[in-house]
Amino acid sequence: MSLVTRRQVLVSAVSAAMVSAVSAPGSSAPGDALTVEDRIAIAEAIAGIGLYADLREWNRVRSYFAARVTTDYTSLFGGEATTSDRDALIALWQGLLPGFDATQHLITNITVEGAGNDAVARSHVRATHWIGGRFWTVGGSYLHRLVRTPEGWRVNAIAIHRLYEEGDRAVLPPPPTG
């Protein structure tokens, strides 16, 4: 067998093994690598939270969260990370976002790592909040932690790391008291 033919056989075998490894159907057992379907569902959850919050489709937003969610906005507002049930988080967002004329959460460069029933997704976010001609934009990176449930992949933790801000932070409502 010639050197060229050996290389073609080797490349074909490696390619076939890689395709088989990432496209095998079925659910993962603990410790198994994430499938392509898992990665797509996870990326959809990350992007869907931002999109449907901007569209104020709260039931869709709720469908991407686990029953309990930890949120860490300390790089934006100080304080500490908090854990609450998903309905309390959605109620908080429902009280905040409609105060703006528009919001837009652009979430890009989603990468997914994990195995079995746990995953971590990292992404960039640029979130702009408008009232009239005034706006506040924050750019940062997100870290989402997800868990596989019988209903599918659900986010159980969100953290944002602020990279920059533009505009007028005063468009934000004052923090809740009490």
N, C-alpha and C. Protein backbone atom coordinates (compact mmCIF):
# COMPACT_ATOMS: atom_id res chain seq x y z
N MET A 1 0.86 -1.17 0.00
CA MET A 1 0.00 0.00 0.00
C MET A 1 0.90 1.23 0.00
N SER A 2 0.60 2.20 -0.84
CA SER A 2 1.43 3.40 -0.94
C SER A 2 1.19 4.31 0.26
N LEU A 3 2.10 5.24 0.49
CA LEU A 3 1.99 6.19 1.58
C LEU A 3 0.72 7.03 1.45
N VAL A 4 0.39 7.46 0.24
CA VAL A 4 -0.83 8.25 0.00
C VAL A 4 -2.06 7.44 0.36
N THR A 5 -2.11 6.19 -0.06
CA THR A 5 -3.26 5.34 0.22
C THR A 5 -3.39 5.11 1.73
N ARG A 6 -2.28 4.88 2.43
CA ARG A 6 -2.32 4.69 3.89
C ARG A 6 -2.88 5.93 4.57
N ARG A 7 -2.45 7.10 4.15
CA ARG A 7 -2.95 8.34 4.74
C ARG A 7 -4.45 8.48 4.49
N GLN A 8 -4.90 8.15 3.29
CA GLN A 8 -6.34 8.25 2.98
C GLN A 8 -7.14 7.30 3.86
N VAL A 9 -6.65 6.09 4.05
CA VAL A 9 -7.33 5.10 4.89
C VAL A 9 -7.37 5.60 6.33
N LEU A 10 -6.24 6.12 6.82
CA LEU A 10 -6.17 6.61 8.19
C LEU A 10 -7.10 7.80 8.39
N VAL A 11 -7.07 8.75 7.47
CA VAL A 11 -7.95 9.92 7.57
C VAL A 11 -9.41 9.48 7.54
N SER A 12 -9.75 8.55 6.68
CA SER A 12 -11.13 8.07 6.59
C SER A 12 -11.55 7.39 7.89
N ALA A 13 -10.67 6.59 8.47
CA ALA A 13 -11.00 5.88 9.72
C ALA A 13 -11.18 6.87 10.88
N VAL A 14 -10.28 7.85 10.98
CA VAL A 14 -10.39 8.84 12.05
C VAL A 14 -11.65 9.67 11.87
N SER A 15 -11.93 10.10 10.65
CA SER A 15 -13.14 10.88 10.39
C SER A 15 -14.40 10.10 10.74
N ALA A 16 -14.45 8.85 10.36
CA ALA A 16 -15.62 8.02 10.67
C ALA A 16 -15.79 7.86 12.17
N ALA A 17 -14.69 7.69 12.89
CA ALA A 17 -14.77 7.53 14.35
C ALA A 17 -15.26 8.83 14.99
N MET A 18 -14.79 9.97 14.50
CA MET A 18 -15.22 11.25 15.07
C MET A 18 -16.70 11.49 14.81
N VAL A 19 -17.16 11.24 13.62
CA VAL A 19 -18.58 11.41 13.30
C VAL A 19 -19.42 10.50 14.15
N SER A 20 -19.00 9.26 14.31
CA SER A 20 -19.74 8.30 15.12
C SER A 20 -19.79 8.76 16.58
N ALA A 21 -18.70 9.30 17.10
CA ALA A 21 -18.65 9.70 18.50
C ALA A 21 -19.57 10.87 18.80
N VAL A 22 -19.70 11.82 17.87
CA VAL A 22 -20.52 13.00 18.15
C VAL A 22 -21.95 12.88 17.69
N SER A 23 -22.25 11.90 16.87
CA SER A 23 -23.61 11.85 16.35
C SER A 23 -24.38 10.61 16.77
N ALA A 24 -23.85 9.85 17.72
CA ALA A 24 -24.57 8.66 18.17
C ALA A 24 -25.86 9.08 18.85
N PRO A 25 -27.01 8.54 18.41
CA PRO A 25 -28.28 8.93 19.01
C PRO A 25 -28.44 8.32 20.39
N GLY A 26 -29.40 8.84 21.12
CA GLY A 26 -29.71 8.28 22.43
C GLY A 26 -29.28 9.21 23.54
N SER A 27 -29.74 8.91 24.75
CA SER A 27 -29.40 9.77 25.87
C SER A 27 -28.09 9.31 26.50
N SER A 28 -27.44 10.24 27.15
CA SER A 28 -26.15 9.96 27.77
C SER A 28 -26.35 9.36 29.14
N ALA A 29 -25.48 8.46 29.50
CA ALA A 29 -25.42 7.96 30.87
C ALA A 29 -24.43 8.84 31.62
N PRO A 30 -24.49 8.86 32.97
CA PRO A 30 -23.53 9.68 33.71
C PRO A 30 -22.11 9.37 33.27
N GLY A 31 -21.34 10.42 33.01
CA GLY A 31 -19.97 10.26 32.58
C GLY A 31 -19.80 10.23 31.08
N ASP A 32 -20.89 10.00 30.32
CA ASP A 32 -20.80 9.98 28.86
C ASP A 32 -20.65 11.39 28.33
N ALA A 33 -19.96 11.51 27.21
CA ALA A 33 -19.81 12.80 26.55
C ALA A 33 -21.16 13.31 26.09
N LEU A 34 -21.29 14.61 25.99
CA LEU A 34 -22.53 15.20 25.49
C LEU A 34 -22.68 14.91 24.00
N THR A 35 -23.90 14.65 23.58
CA THR A 35 -24.17 14.41 22.17
C THR A 35 -24.37 15.74 21.45
N VAL A 36 -24.41 15.69 20.14
CA VAL A 36 -24.71 16.88 19.35
C VAL A 36 -26.09 17.41 19.75
N GLU A 37 -27.04 16.53 19.95
CA GLU A 37 -28.39 16.95 20.34
C GLU A 37 -28.37 17.66 21.69
N ASP A 38 -27.55 17.15 22.65
CA ASP A 38 -27.41 17.82 23.94
C ASP A 38 -26.89 19.23 23.75
N ARG A 39 -25.84 19.37 22.96
CA ARG A 39 -25.21 20.67 22.74
C ARG A 39 -26.18 21.66 22.09
N ILE A 40 -26.96 21.19 21.16
CA ILE A 40 -27.95 22.06 20.51
C ILE A 40 -29.02 22.50 21.52
N ALA A 41 -29.51 21.57 22.32
CA ALA A 41 -30.54 21.90 23.32
C ALA A 41 -30.00 22.89 24.35
N ILE A 42 -28.75 22.72 24.75
CA ILE A 42 -28.13 23.63 25.72
C ILE A 42 -27.98 25.02 25.12
N ALA A 43 -27.44 25.10 23.91
CA ALA A 43 -27.28 26.40 23.25
C ALA A 43 -28.63 27.09 23.05
N GLU A 44 -29.65 26.31 22.71
CA GLU A 44 -30.99 26.88 22.54
C GLU A 44 -31.52 27.44 23.85
N ALA A 45 -31.26 26.76 24.95
CA ALA A 45 -31.71 27.26 26.26
C ALA A 45 -31.03 28.58 26.58
N ILE A 46 -29.72 28.67 26.36
CA ILE A 46 -28.98 29.89 26.67
C ILE A 46 -29.50 31.05 25.82
N ALA A 47 -29.59 30.85 24.52
CA ALA A 47 -30.08 31.91 23.63
C ALA A 47 -31.55 32.20 23.89
N GLY A 48 -32.33 31.17 24.17
CA GLY A 48 -33.77 31.33 24.38
C GLY A 48 -34.12 32.18 25.58
N ILE A 49 -33.36 32.07 26.65
CA ILE A 49 -33.64 32.88 27.84
C ILE A 49 -33.57 34.36 27.48
N GLY A 50 -32.51 34.77 26.80
CA GLY A 50 -32.37 36.18 26.42
C GLY A 50 -33.43 36.62 25.43
N LEU A 51 -33.64 35.82 24.39
CA LEU A 51 -34.61 36.17 23.35
C LEU A 51 -36.01 36.31 23.93
N TYR A 52 -36.47 35.30 24.66
CA TYR A 52 -37.85 35.32 25.13
C TYR A 52 -38.07 36.29 26.28
N ALA A 53 -37.01 36.61 27.05
CA ALA A 53 -37.15 37.69 28.04
C ALA A 53 -37.37 39.02 27.31
N ASP A 54 -36.61 39.25 26.23
CA ASP A 54 -36.79 40.48 25.45
C ASP A 54 -38.18 40.56 24.82
N LEU A 55 -38.73 39.42 24.43
CA LEU A 55 -40.06 39.37 23.83
C LEU A 55 -41.17 39.30 24.87
N ARG A 56 -40.77 39.21 26.15
CA ARG A 56 -41.70 39.12 27.29
C ARG A 56 -42.59 37.87 27.21
N GLU A 57 -42.03 36.79 26.69
CA GLU A 57 -42.74 35.50 26.64
C GLU A 57 -42.27 34.67 27.84
N TRP A 58 -42.87 34.98 28.99
CA TRP A 58 -42.39 34.48 30.27
C TRP A 58 -42.51 32.97 30.44
N ASN A 59 -43.54 32.35 29.89
CA ASN A 59 -43.65 30.89 30.01
C ASN A 59 -42.52 30.20 29.26
N ARG A 60 -42.10 30.77 28.14
CA ARG A 60 -40.96 30.19 27.42
C ARG A 60 -39.68 30.38 28.22
N VAL A 61 -39.49 31.56 28.81
CA VAL A 61 -38.31 31.78 29.65
C VAL A 61 -38.31 30.75 30.78
N ARG A 62 -39.43 30.61 31.47
CA ARG A 62 -39.57 29.68 32.59
C ARG A 62 -39.18 28.26 32.17
N SER A 63 -39.52 27.86 30.94
CA SER A 63 -39.28 26.48 30.49
C SER A 63 -37.80 26.13 30.39
N TYR A 64 -36.92 27.11 30.41
CA TYR A 64 -35.48 26.85 30.30
C TYR A 64 -34.79 26.73 31.66
N PHE A 65 -35.52 26.98 32.75
CA PHE A 65 -34.90 26.99 34.08
C PHE A 65 -35.25 25.74 34.88
N ALA A 66 -34.30 25.34 35.72
CA ALA A 66 -34.54 24.30 36.72
C ALA A 66 -35.42 24.90 37.82
N ALA A 67 -35.91 24.06 38.70
CA ALA A 67 -36.80 24.53 39.76
C ALA A 67 -36.13 25.57 40.66
N ARG A 68 -34.83 25.42 40.94
CA ARG A 68 -34.06 26.37 41.74
C ARG A 68 -32.93 26.93 40.87
N VAL A 69 -32.71 28.23 40.97
CA VAL A 69 -31.73 28.91 40.13
C VAL A 69 -30.86 29.83 40.98
N THR A 70 -29.55 29.73 40.78
CA THR A 70 -28.62 30.66 41.41
C THR A 70 -28.24 31.72 40.38
N THR A 71 -28.36 32.99 40.76
CA THR A 71 -27.97 34.09 39.87
C THR A 71 -26.85 34.87 40.54
N ASP A 72 -25.85 35.20 39.76
CA ASP A 72 -24.70 35.96 40.26
C ASP A 72 -24.49 37.18 39.37
N TYR A 73 -24.96 38.33 39.86
CA TYR A 73 -24.81 39.60 39.17
C TYR A 73 -23.84 40.51 39.94
N THR A 74 -22.97 39.91 40.76
CA THR A 74 -22.10 40.70 41.62
C THR A 74 -21.13 41.57 40.82
N SER A 75 -20.73 41.18 39.64
CA SER A 75 -19.81 42.02 38.86
C SER A 75 -20.51 43.28 38.35
N LEU A 76 -21.83 43.28 38.34
CA LEU A 76 -22.60 44.45 37.92
C LEU A 76 -23.05 45.30 39.10
N PHE A 77 -23.53 44.65 40.15
CA PHE A 77 -24.22 45.38 41.21
C PHE A 77 -23.64 45.16 42.60
N GLY A 78 -22.58 44.37 42.73
CA GLY A 78 -22.05 44.05 44.06
C GLY A 78 -22.95 43.03 44.74
N GLY A 79 -22.88 42.99 46.06
CA GLY A 79 -23.72 42.06 46.81
C GLY A 79 -23.23 40.64 46.70
N GLU A 80 -24.15 39.70 46.75
CA GLU A 80 -23.82 38.28 46.71
C GLU A 80 -24.73 37.56 45.73
N ALA A 81 -24.27 36.40 45.28
CA ALA A 81 -25.12 35.53 44.46
C ALA A 81 -26.33 35.11 45.29
N THR A 82 -27.46 34.90 44.61
CA THR A 82 -28.67 34.47 45.31
C THR A 82 -29.24 33.23 44.64
N THR A 83 -29.93 32.45 45.44
CA THR A 83 -30.63 31.27 44.93
C THR A 83 -32.10 31.43 45.26
N SER A 84 -32.93 31.20 44.25
CA SER A 84 -34.38 31.32 44.44
C SER A 84 -35.06 30.28 43.57
N ASP A 85 -36.38 30.16 43.75
CA ASP A 85 -37.07 29.26 42.84
C ASP A 85 -37.31 30.00 41.53
N ARG A 86 -37.49 29.23 40.48
CA ARG A 86 -37.60 29.79 39.13
C ARG A 86 -38.73 30.79 39.02
N ASP A 87 -39.87 30.55 39.67
CA ASP A 87 -41.00 31.47 39.58
C ASP A 87 -40.69 32.82 40.22
N ALA A 88 -39.91 32.82 41.31
CA ALA A 88 -39.51 34.08 41.93
C ALA A 88 -38.57 34.86 41.01
N LEU A 89 -37.67 34.16 40.34
CA LEU A 89 -36.76 34.83 39.40
C LEU A 89 -37.54 35.43 38.24
N ILE A 90 -38.47 34.66 37.69
CA ILE A 90 -39.28 35.15 36.57
C ILE A 90 -40.11 36.36 37.02
N ALA A 91 -40.68 36.30 38.22
CA ALA A 91 -41.48 37.42 38.74
C ALA A 91 -40.61 38.67 38.87
N LEU A 92 -39.36 38.50 39.32
CA LEU A 92 -38.45 39.64 39.42
C LEU A 92 -38.21 40.25 38.04
N TRP A 93 -37.90 39.40 37.05
CA TRP A 93 -37.67 39.89 35.69
C TRP A 93 -38.94 40.52 35.11
N GLN A 94 -40.11 39.93 35.39
CA GLN A 94 -41.36 40.49 34.89
C GLN A 94 -41.62 41.88 35.46
N GLY A 95 -41.16 42.12 36.66
CA GLY A 95 -41.33 43.43 37.27
C GLY A 95 -40.32 44.45 36.77
N LEU A 96 -39.18 43.98 36.29
CA LEU A 96 -38.10 44.87 35.86
C LEU A 96 -38.15 45.20 34.37
N LEU A 97 -38.19 44.21 33.52
CA LEU A 97 -38.02 44.45 32.09
C LEU A 97 -39.13 45.26 31.42
N PRO A 98 -40.39 45.08 31.80
CA PRO A 98 -41.42 45.91 31.15
C PRO A 98 -41.29 47.40 31.46
N GLY A 99 -40.43 47.78 32.41
CA GLY A 99 -40.19 49.20 32.68
C GLY A 99 -39.37 49.87 31.58
N PHE A 100 -38.80 49.09 30.71
CA PHE A 100 -38.03 49.62 29.59
C PHE A 100 -38.89 49.64 28.34
N ASP A 101 -38.59 50.59 27.45
CA ASP A 101 -39.27 50.60 26.16
C ASP A 101 -38.88 49.38 25.34
N ALA A 102 -37.62 48.96 25.48
CA ALA A 102 -37.13 47.77 24.78
C ALA A 102 -35.87 47.29 25.47
N THR A 103 -35.63 45.99 25.35
CA THR A 103 -34.36 45.39 25.77
C THR A 103 -33.90 44.45 24.66
N GLN A 104 -32.60 44.27 24.59
CA GLN A 104 -32.07 43.32 23.61
C GLN A 104 -30.83 42.66 24.21
N HIS A 105 -30.92 41.35 24.39
CA HIS A 105 -29.81 40.55 24.89
C HIS A 105 -29.23 39.75 23.72
N LEU A 106 -28.09 40.20 23.22
CA LEU A 106 -27.41 39.50 22.14
C LEU A 106 -26.43 38.51 22.76
N ILE A 107 -26.66 37.24 22.57
CA ILE A 107 -25.83 36.20 23.18
C ILE A 107 -25.15 35.44 22.05
N THR A 108 -23.81 35.45 22.08
CA THR A 108 -23.04 34.86 20.99
C THR A 108 -21.91 33.99 21.52
N ASN A 109 -21.24 33.31 20.59
CA ASN A 109 -20.04 32.51 20.89
C ASN A 109 -20.29 31.50 22.01
N ILE A 110 -21.42 30.81 21.95
CA ILE A 110 -21.77 29.84 22.98
C ILE A 110 -20.88 28.61 22.83
N THR A 111 -20.20 28.25 23.92
CA THR A 111 -19.44 27.01 23.96
C THR A 111 -20.02 26.15 25.08
N VAL A 112 -20.00 24.85 24.88
CA VAL A 112 -20.61 23.92 25.82
C VAL A 112 -19.60 22.85 26.20
N GLU A 113 -19.49 22.59 27.49
CA GLU A 113 -18.66 21.51 28.01
C GLU A 113 -19.50 20.72 29.00
N GLY A 114 -19.16 19.47 29.17
CA GLY A 114 -19.86 18.68 30.17
C GLY A 114 -19.88 17.22 29.82
N ALA A 115 -20.51 16.47 30.68
CA ALA A 115 -20.68 15.03 30.48
C ALA A 115 -21.84 14.57 31.34
N GLY A 116 -22.45 13.49 30.91
CA GLY A 116 -23.56 12.93 31.68
C GLY A 116 -24.70 13.91 31.80
N ASN A 117 -25.06 14.24 33.04
CA ASN A 117 -26.23 15.08 33.30
C ASN A 117 -25.89 16.51 33.68
N ASP A 118 -24.63 16.91 33.54
CA ASP A 118 -24.20 18.25 33.92
C ASP A 118 -23.46 18.91 32.77
N ALA A 119 -23.69 20.21 32.60
CA ALA A 119 -23.02 20.95 31.54
C ALA A 119 -22.78 22.38 31.98
N VAL A 120 -21.78 22.99 31.35
CA VAL A 120 -21.47 24.40 31.55
C VAL A 120 -21.41 25.03 30.17
N ALA A 121 -22.08 26.17 30.02
CA ALA A 121 -22.03 26.92 28.76
C ALA A 121 -21.45 28.29 29.06
N ARG A 122 -20.56 28.72 28.19
CA ARG A 122 -19.98 30.06 28.29
C ARG A 122 -20.35 30.81 27.02
N SER A 123 -20.57 32.12 27.15
CA SER A 123 -20.95 32.91 25.99
C SER A 123 -20.64 34.38 26.23
N HIS A 124 -20.72 35.16 25.18
CA HIS A 124 -20.66 36.61 25.29
C HIS A 124 -22.09 37.14 25.31
N VAL A 125 -22.28 38.26 25.99
CA VAL A 125 -23.58 38.91 26.01
C VAL A 125 -23.36 40.42 25.86
N ARG A 126 -24.24 41.02 25.11
CA ARG A 126 -24.34 42.48 25.01
C ARG A 126 -25.82 42.78 25.22
N ALA A 127 -26.12 43.37 26.38
CA ALA A 127 -27.52 43.61 26.76
C ALA A 127 -27.77 45.10 26.83
N THR A 128 -28.71 45.56 26.01
CA THR A 128 -29.05 46.99 25.96
C THR A 128 -30.47 47.19 26.45
N HIS A 129 -30.66 48.24 27.24
CA HIS A 129 -31.93 48.56 27.87
C HIS A 129 -32.25 50.01 27.51
N TRP A 130 -33.40 50.26 26.86
CA TRP A 130 -33.77 51.60 26.38
C TRP A 130 -34.99 52.15 27.12
N ILE A 131 -34.93 53.44 27.39
CA ILE A 131 -36.09 54.23 27.80
C ILE A 131 -35.99 55.52 27.01
N GLY A 132 -36.95 55.72 26.10
CA GLY A 132 -36.88 56.88 25.22
C GLY A 132 -35.57 56.85 24.44
N GLY A 133 -34.85 57.96 24.44
CA GLY A 133 -33.57 58.03 23.75
C GLY A 133 -32.39 57.64 24.63
N ARG A 134 -32.65 57.31 25.89
CA ARG A 134 -31.58 56.92 26.82
C ARG A 134 -31.42 55.42 26.81
N PHE A 135 -30.20 54.97 27.04
CA PHE A 135 -29.95 53.53 27.08
C PHE A 135 -28.81 53.21 28.03
N TRP A 136 -28.78 51.97 28.47
CA TRP A 136 -27.66 51.41 29.22
C TRP A 136 -27.34 50.07 28.59
N THR A 137 -26.08 49.88 28.21
CA THR A 137 -25.62 48.62 27.63
C THR A 137 -24.53 48.05 28.52
N VAL A 138 -24.64 46.77 28.75
CA VAL A 138 -23.57 46.05 29.44
C VAL A 138 -23.07 44.96 28.51
N GLY A 139 -21.76 44.86 28.41
CA GLY A 139 -21.14 43.77 27.66
C GLY A 139 -20.41 42.89 28.64
N GLY A 140 -20.53 41.59 28.45
CA GLY A 140 -19.87 40.70 29.39
C GLY A 140 -19.83 39.28 28.89
N SER A 141 -19.43 38.41 29.79
CA SER A 141 -19.46 36.98 29.48
C SER A 141 -20.38 36.31 30.48
N TYR A 142 -21.14 35.37 29.97
CA TYR A 142 -22.04 34.57 30.80
C TYR A 142 -21.41 33.21 31.08
N LEU A 143 -21.75 32.69 32.24
CA LEU A 143 -21.49 31.29 32.56
C LEU A 143 -22.82 30.71 33.03
N HIS A 144 -23.32 29.74 32.30
CA HIS A 144 -24.56 29.06 32.66
C HIS A 144 -24.22 27.63 33.07
N ARG A 145 -24.78 27.17 34.15
CA ARG A 145 -24.68 25.76 34.55
C ARG A 145 -26.04 25.13 34.28
N LEU A 146 -26.00 23.93 33.72
CA LEU A 146 -27.24 23.25 33.36
C LEU A 146 -27.23 21.83 33.89
N VAL A 147 -28.43 21.32 34.08
CA VAL A 147 -28.62 19.94 34.51
C VAL A 147 -29.66 19.29 33.60
N ARG A 148 -29.42 18.01 33.30
CA ARG A 148 -30.40 17.26 32.50
C ARG A 148 -31.53 16.83 33.42
N THR A 149 -32.76 17.12 33.03
CA THR A 149 -33.95 16.71 33.78
C THR A 149 -34.79 15.82 32.86
N PRO A 150 -35.82 15.19 33.37
CA PRO A 150 -36.71 14.42 32.49
C PRO A 150 -37.33 15.28 31.38
N GLU A 151 -37.44 16.60 31.62
CA GLU A 151 -38.01 17.51 30.62
C GLU A 151 -36.97 18.03 29.64
N GLY A 152 -35.69 17.78 29.89
CA GLY A 152 -34.62 18.27 29.04
C GLY A 152 -33.60 19.05 29.85
N TRP A 153 -32.71 19.76 29.15
CA TRP A 153 -31.66 20.54 29.80
C TRP A 153 -32.26 21.80 30.41
N ARG A 154 -31.93 22.07 31.69
CA ARG A 154 -32.45 23.24 32.39
C ARG A 154 -31.30 23.98 33.07
N VAL A 155 -31.35 25.31 33.02
CA VAL A 155 -30.35 26.16 33.64
C VAL A 155 -30.60 26.21 35.14
N ASN A 156 -29.55 25.92 35.93
CA ASN A 156 -29.70 26.04 37.38
C ASN A 156 -28.77 27.09 37.98
N ALA A 157 -27.95 27.75 37.13
CA ALA A 157 -27.11 28.85 37.62
C ALA A 157 -26.71 29.74 36.45
N ILE A 158 -26.71 31.05 36.71
CA ILE A 158 -26.27 32.05 35.74
C ILE A 158 -25.33 33.01 36.47
N ALA A 159 -24.20 33.29 35.84
CA ALA A 159 -23.30 34.33 36.35
C ALA A 159 -22.89 35.19 35.16
N ILE A 160 -22.79 36.48 35.40
CA ILE A 160 -22.29 37.39 34.38
C ILE A 160 -21.01 38.03 34.89
N HIS A 161 -20.04 38.14 34.01
CA HIS A 161 -18.80 38.86 34.31
C HIS A 161 -18.79 40.09 33.41
N ARG A 162 -18.93 41.27 34.02
CA ARG A 162 -18.99 42.52 33.27
C ARG A 162 -17.64 42.82 32.64
N LEU A 163 -17.67 43.14 31.35
CA LEU A 163 -16.47 43.56 30.63
C LEU A 163 -16.47 45.06 30.38
N TYR A 164 -17.67 45.64 30.11
CA TYR A 164 -17.76 47.08 29.85
C TYR A 164 -19.21 47.52 29.98
N GLU A 165 -19.38 48.84 30.08
CA GLU A 165 -20.71 49.45 30.09
C GLU A 165 -20.68 50.66 29.18
N GLU A 166 -21.83 50.95 28.60
CA GLU A 166 -22.00 52.15 27.77
C GLU A 166 -23.34 52.78 28.14
N GLY A 167 -23.44 54.06 27.93
CA GLY A 167 -24.71 54.73 28.15
C GLY A 167 -24.91 55.16 29.59
N ASP A 168 -26.17 55.21 29.98
CA ASP A 168 -26.59 55.81 31.25
C ASP A 168 -27.17 54.75 32.18
N ARG A 169 -26.40 54.35 33.19
CA ARG A 169 -26.86 53.34 34.15
C ARG A 169 -28.10 53.81 34.90
N ALA A 170 -28.35 55.09 34.91
CA ALA A 170 -29.51 55.64 35.62
C ALA A 170 -30.84 55.22 35.00
N VAL A 171 -30.84 54.60 33.81
CA VAL A 171 -32.11 54.10 33.27
C VAL A 171 -32.60 52.88 34.07
N LEU A 172 -31.72 52.28 34.85
CA LEU A 172 -32.12 51.15 35.68
C LEU A 172 -32.97 51.64 36.85
N PRO A 173 -33.97 50.88 37.24
CA PRO A 173 -34.74 51.28 38.42
C PRO A 173 -33.89 51.09 39.66
N PRO A 174 -34.22 51.80 40.74
CA PRO A 174 -33.47 51.59 41.98
C PRO A 174 -33.66 50.16 42.47
N PRO A 175 -32.66 49.61 43.19
CA PRO A 175 -32.80 48.24 43.68
C PRO A 175 -33.96 48.14 44.68
N PRO A 176 -34.61 46.97 44.73
CA PRO A 176 -35.72 46.81 45.69
C PRO A 176 -35.21 46.92 47.12
N THR A 177 -36.03 47.45 47.99
CA THR A 177 -35.67 47.56 49.40
C THR A 177 -36.50 46.59 50.21
N GLY A 178 -35.94 46.22 51.35
CA GLY A 178 -36.68 45.34 52.26
C GLY A 178 -36.45 43.98 52.04
